Amino acid sequence: MPDPEFGLKKILELQARQGLTLSKDDLAAYMGVTIRSLNRALKNINTECPE
């Protein structure tokens, strides 16, 4: 099963490079997950590499 955090990292990198603004609703819909799952993945990413 693909790692949703990997895909999310790629989307966030693209968002930063292109200067895009995406809402959590849009990201969750694009990834096919709930906002709760998206928030969990975002939290895990921020825990792995805090800025």
PDB file of N, CA and C in Angstrom:
ATOM      1  N   MET A   1       0.851  -1.191   0.000  1.00  0.00           N
ATOM      2  CA  MET A   1       0.000   0.000   0.000  1.00  0.00           C
ATOM      3  C   MET A   1       0.888   1.243   0.000  1.00  0.00           C
ATOM      4  N   PRO A   2       0.596   2.212  -0.862  1.00  0.00           N
ATOM      5  CA  PRO A   2       1.415   3.419  -0.930  1.00  0.00           C
ATOM      6  C   PRO A   2       1.350   4.223   0.362  1.00  0.00           C
ATOM      7  N   ASP A   3       2.448   4.871   0.655  1.00  0.00           N
ATOM      8  CA  ASP A   3       2.549   5.706   1.850  1.00  0.00           C
ATOM      9  C   ASP A   3       1.920   7.065   1.566  1.00  0.00           C
ATOM     10  N   PRO A   4       0.804   7.402   2.231  1.00  0.00           N
ATOM     11  CA  PRO A   4       0.156   8.701   1.956  1.00  0.00           C
ATOM     12  C   PRO A   4       1.039   9.883   2.316  1.00  0.00           C
ATOM     13  N   GLU A   5       1.928   9.699   3.271  1.00  0.00           N
ATOM     14  CA  GLU A   5       2.808  10.804   3.647  1.00  0.00           C
ATOM     15  C   GLU A   5       3.809  11.111   2.536  1.00  0.00           C
ATOM     16  N   PHE A   6       4.233  10.096   1.792  1.00  0.00           N
ATOM     17  CA  PHE A   6       5.140  10.315   0.670  1.00  0.00           C
ATOM     18  C   PHE A   6       4.462  11.201  -0.376  1.00  0.00           C
ATOM     19  N   GLY A   7       3.227  10.849  -0.733  1.00  0.00           N
ATOM     20  CA  GLY A   7       2.485  11.638  -1.708  1.00  0.00           C
ATOM     21  C   GLY A   7       2.231  13.052  -1.213  1.00  0.00           C
ATOM     22  N   LEU A   8       1.924  13.167   0.050  1.00  0.00           N
ATOM     23  CA  LEU A   8       1.666  14.485   0.633  1.00  0.00           C
ATOM     24  C   LEU A   8       2.926  15.347   0.590  1.00  0.00           C
ATOM     25  N   LYS A   9       4.078  14.747   0.880  1.00  0.00           N
ATOM     26  CA  LYS A   9       5.334  15.496   0.817  1.00  0.00           C
ATOM     27  C   LYS A   9       5.564  16.026  -0.597  1.00  0.00           C
ATOM     28  N   LYS A  10       5.300  15.195  -1.597  1.00  0.00           N
ATOM     29  CA  LYS A  10       5.487  15.609  -2.985  1.00  0.00           C
ATOM     30  C   LYS A  10       4.544  16.760  -3.345  1.00  0.00           C
ATOM     31  N   ILE A  11       3.308  16.672  -2.907  1.00  0.00           N
ATOM     32  CA  ILE A  11       2.333  17.732  -3.184  1.00  0.00           C
ATOM     33  C   ILE A  11       2.753  19.028  -2.501  1.00  0.00           C
ATOM     34  N   LEU A  12       3.213  18.933  -1.255  1.00  0.00           N
ATOM     35  CA  LEU A  12       3.640  20.134  -0.527  1.00  0.00           C
ATOM     36  C   LEU A  12       4.871  20.760  -1.166  1.00  0.00           C
ATOM     37  N   GLU A  13       5.786  19.921  -1.682  1.00  0.00           N
ATOM     38  CA  GLU A  13       6.957  20.452  -2.383  1.00  0.00           C
ATOM     39  C   GLU A  13       6.533  21.192  -3.651  1.00  0.00           C
ATOM     40  N   LEU A  14       5.622  20.597  -4.394  1.00  0.00           N
ATOM     41  CA  LEU A  14       5.111  21.225  -5.613  1.00  0.00           C
ATOM     42  C   LEU A  14       4.410  22.538  -5.276  1.00  0.00           C
ATOM     43  N   GLN A  15       3.628  22.520  -4.217  1.00  0.00           N
ATOM     44  CA  GLN A  15       2.909  23.718  -3.784  1.00  0.00           C
ATOM     45  C   GLN A  15       3.904  24.843  -3.470  1.00  0.00           C
ATOM     46  N   ALA A  16       4.983  24.509  -2.789  1.00  0.00           N
ATOM     47  CA  ALA A  16       5.982  25.518  -2.427  1.00  0.00           C
ATOM     48  C   ALA A  16       6.712  26.041  -3.666  1.00  0.00           C
ATOM     49  N   ARG A  17       7.086  25.129  -4.563  1.00  0.00           N
ATOM     50  CA  ARG A  17       7.821  25.542  -5.770  1.00  0.00           C
ATOM     51  C   ARG A  17       6.978  26.411  -6.684  1.00  0.00           C
ATOM     52  N   GLN A  18       5.718  26.075  -6.834  1.00  0.00           N
ATOM     53  CA  GLN A  18       4.844  26.788  -7.762  1.00  0.00           C
ATOM     54  C   GLN A  18       4.129  27.970  -7.124  1.00  0.00           C
ATOM     55  N   GLY A  19       4.239  28.106  -5.806  1.00  0.00           N
ATOM     56  CA  GLY A  19       3.566  29.207  -5.122  1.00  0.00           C
ATOM     57  C   GLY A  19       2.054  29.027  -5.094  1.00  0.00           C
ATOM     58  N   LEU A  20       1.612  27.773  -5.036  1.00  0.00           N
ATOM     59  CA  LEU A  20       0.179  27.479  -5.031  1.00  0.00           C
ATOM     60  C   LEU A  20      -0.376  27.577  -3.616  1.00  0.00           C
ATOM     61  N   THR A  21      -1.640  27.896  -3.538  1.00  0.00           N
ATOM     62  CA  THR A  21      -2.347  27.882  -2.267  1.00  0.00           C
ATOM     63  C   THR A  21      -3.455  26.850  -2.367  1.00  0.00           C
ATOM     64  N   LEU A  22      -3.326  25.791  -1.586  1.00  0.00           N
ATOM     65  CA  LEU A  22      -4.326  24.726  -1.586  1.00  0.00           C
ATOM     66  C   LEU A  22      -4.906  24.596  -0.185  1.00  0.00           C
ATOM     67  N   SER A  23      -6.209  24.475  -0.118  1.00  0.00           N
ATOM     68  CA  SER A  23      -6.847  24.299   1.181  1.00  0.00           C
ATOM     69  C   SER A  23      -6.716  22.839   1.609  1.00  0.00           C
ATOM     70  N   LYS A  24      -6.928  22.598   2.891  1.00  0.00           N
ATOM     71  CA  LYS A  24      -6.910  21.222   3.382  1.00  0.00           C
ATOM     72  C   LYS A  24      -8.020  20.412   2.718  1.00  0.00           C
ATOM     73  N   ASP A  25      -9.152  21.056   2.473  1.00  0.00           N
ATOM     74  CA  ASP A  25     -10.248  20.367   1.780  1.00  0.00           C
ATOM     75  C   ASP A  25      -9.811  19.903   0.399  1.00  0.00           C
ATOM     76  N   ASP A  26      -9.137  20.784  -0.338  1.00  0.00           N
ATOM     77  CA  ASP A  26      -8.667  20.443  -1.679  1.00  0.00           C
ATOM     78  C   ASP A  26      -7.623  19.330  -1.644  1.00  0.00           C
ATOM     79  N   LEU A  27      -6.674  19.438  -0.711  1.00  0.00           N
ATOM     80  CA  LEU A  27      -5.640  18.407  -0.593  1.00  0.00           C
ATOM     81  C   LEU A  27      -6.248  17.050  -0.254  1.00  0.00           C
ATOM     82  N   ALA A  28      -7.163  17.046   0.706  1.00  0.00           N
ATOM     83  CA  ALA A  28      -7.790  15.795   1.115  1.00  0.00           C
ATOM     84  C   ALA A  28      -8.582  15.182  -0.043  1.00  0.00           C
ATOM     85  N   ALA A  29      -9.306  16.009  -0.769  1.00  0.00           N
ATOM     86  CA  ALA A  29     -10.090  15.513  -1.898  1.00  0.00           C
ATOM     87  C   ALA A  29      -9.175  14.958  -2.981  1.00  0.00           C
ATOM     88  N   TYR A  30      -8.087  15.641  -3.269  1.00  0.00           N
ATOM     89  CA  TYR A  30      -7.134  15.196  -4.293  1.00  0.00           C
ATOM     90  C   TYR A  30      -6.519  13.855  -3.917  1.00  0.00           C
ATOM     91  N   MET A  31      -6.192  13.698  -2.621  1.00  0.00           N
ATOM     92  CA  MET A  31      -5.556  12.468  -2.164  1.00  0.00           C
ATOM     93  C   MET A  31      -6.555  11.352  -1.893  1.00  0.00           C
ATOM     94  N   GLY A  32      -7.836  11.705  -1.826  1.00  0.00           N
ATOM     95  CA  GLY A  32      -8.855  10.691  -1.558  1.00  0.00           C
ATOM     96  C   GLY A  32      -8.890  10.247  -0.109  1.00  0.00           C
ATOM     97  N   VAL A  33      -8.583  11.186   0.795  1.00  0.00           N
ATOM     98  CA  VAL A  33      -8.600  10.885   2.227  1.00  0.00           C
ATOM     99  C   VAL A  33      -9.486  11.908   2.931  1.00  0.00           C
ATOM    100  N   THR A  34      -9.783  11.620   4.191  1.00  0.00           N
ATOM    101  CA  THR A  34     -10.549  12.573   4.982  1.00  0.00           C
ATOM    102  C   THR A  34      -9.612  13.665   5.492  1.00  0.00           C
ATOM    103  N   ILE A  35     -10.198  14.769   5.917  1.00  0.00           N
ATOM    104  CA  ILE A  35      -9.394  15.857   6.476  1.00  0.00           C
ATOM    105  C   ILE A  35      -8.704  15.379   7.752  1.00  0.00           C
ATOM    106  N   ARG A  36      -9.367  14.529   8.499  1.00  0.00           N
ATOM    107  CA  ARG A  36      -8.753  13.990   9.716  1.00  0.00           C
ATOM    108  C   ARG A  36      -7.484  13.204   9.377  1.00  0.00           C
ATOM    109  N   SER A  37      -7.550  12.371   8.339  1.00  0.00           N
ATOM    110  CA  SER A  37      -6.377  11.609   7.918  1.00  0.00           C
ATOM    111  C   SER A  37      -5.285  12.538   7.395  1.00  0.00           C
ATOM    112  N   LEU A  38      -5.684  13.564   6.673  1.00  0.00           N
ATOM    113  CA  LEU A  38      -4.727  14.546   6.170  1.00  0.00           C
ATOM    114  C   LEU A  38      -4.036  15.244   7.337  1.00  0.00           C
ATOM    115  N   ASN A  39      -4.792  15.659   8.334  1.00  0.00           N
ATOM    116  CA  ASN A  39      -4.202  16.320   9.502  1.00  0.00           C
ATOM    117  C   ASN A  39      -3.222  15.401  10.216  1.00  0.00           C
ATOM    118  N   ARG A  40      -3.563  14.120  10.316  1.00  0.00           N
ATOM    119  CA  ARG A  40      -2.684  13.146  10.947  1.00  0.00           C
ATOM    120  C   ARG A  40      -1.375  13.023  10.164  1.00  0.00           C
ATOM    121  N   ALA A  41      -1.476  12.951   8.846  1.00  0.00           N
ATOM    122  CA  ALA A  41      -0.281  12.849   7.998  1.00  0.00           C
ATOM    123  C   ALA A  41       0.564  14.115   8.111  1.00  0.00           C
ATOM    124  N   LEU A  42      -0.079  15.272   8.120  1.00  0.00           N
ATOM    125  CA  LEU A  42       0.658  16.535   8.276  1.00  0.00           C
ATOM    126  C   LEU A  42       1.391  16.575   9.607  1.00  0.00           C
ATOM    127  N   LYS A  43       0.733  16.104  10.653  1.00  0.00           N
ATOM    128  CA  LYS A  43       1.357  16.071  11.977  1.00  0.00           C
ATOM    129  C   LYS A  43       2.574  15.149  11.965  1.00  0.00           C
ATOM    130  N   ASN A  44       2.444  13.985  11.319  1.00  0.00           N
ATOM    131  CA  ASN A  44       3.560  13.042  11.242  1.00  0.00           C
ATOM    132  C   ASN A  44       4.728  13.637  10.458  1.00  0.00           C
ATOM    133  N   ILE A  45       4.437  14.337   9.391  1.00  0.00           N
ATOM    134  CA  ILE A  45       5.495  14.965   8.598  1.00  0.00           C
ATOM    135  C   ILE A  45       6.197  16.036   9.412  1.00  0.00           C
ATOM    136  N   ASN A  46       5.439  16.843  10.128  1.00  0.00           N
ATOM    137  CA  ASN A  46       6.033  17.915  10.944  1.00  0.00           C
ATOM    138  C   ASN A  46       6.843  17.347  12.099  1.00  0.00           C
ATOM    139  N   THR A  47       6.465  16.170  12.594  1.00  0.00           N
ATOM    140  CA  THR A  47       7.209  15.525  13.672  1.00  0.00           C
ATOM    141  C   THR A  47       8.522  14.976  13.142  1.00  0.00           C
ATOM    142  N   GLU A  48       8.515  14.459  11.914  1.00  0.00           N
ATOM    143  CA  GLU A  48       9.723  13.896  11.299  1.00  0.00           C
ATOM    144  C   GLU A  48      10.764  14.969  11.024  1.00  0.00           C
ATOM    145  N   CYS A  49      10.329  16.088  10.476  1.00  0.00           N
ATOM    146  CA  CYS A  49      11.288  17.138  10.109  1.00  0.00           C
ATOM    147  C   CYS A  49      10.726  18.505  10.464  1.00  0.00           C
ATOM    148  N   PRO A  50      10.790  18.867  11.728  1.00  0.00           N
ATOM    149  CA  PRO A  50      10.283  20.193  12.115  1.00  0.00           C
ATOM    150  C   PRO A  50      11.140  21.294  11.511  1.00  0.00           C
ATOM    151  N   GLU A  51      10.498  22.384  11.167  1.00  0.00           N
ATOM    152  CA  GLU A  51      11.209  23.509  10.530  1.00  0.00           C
ATOM    153  C   GLU A  51      11.539  24.557  11.528  1.00  0.00           C
TER     154      GLU A  51
END
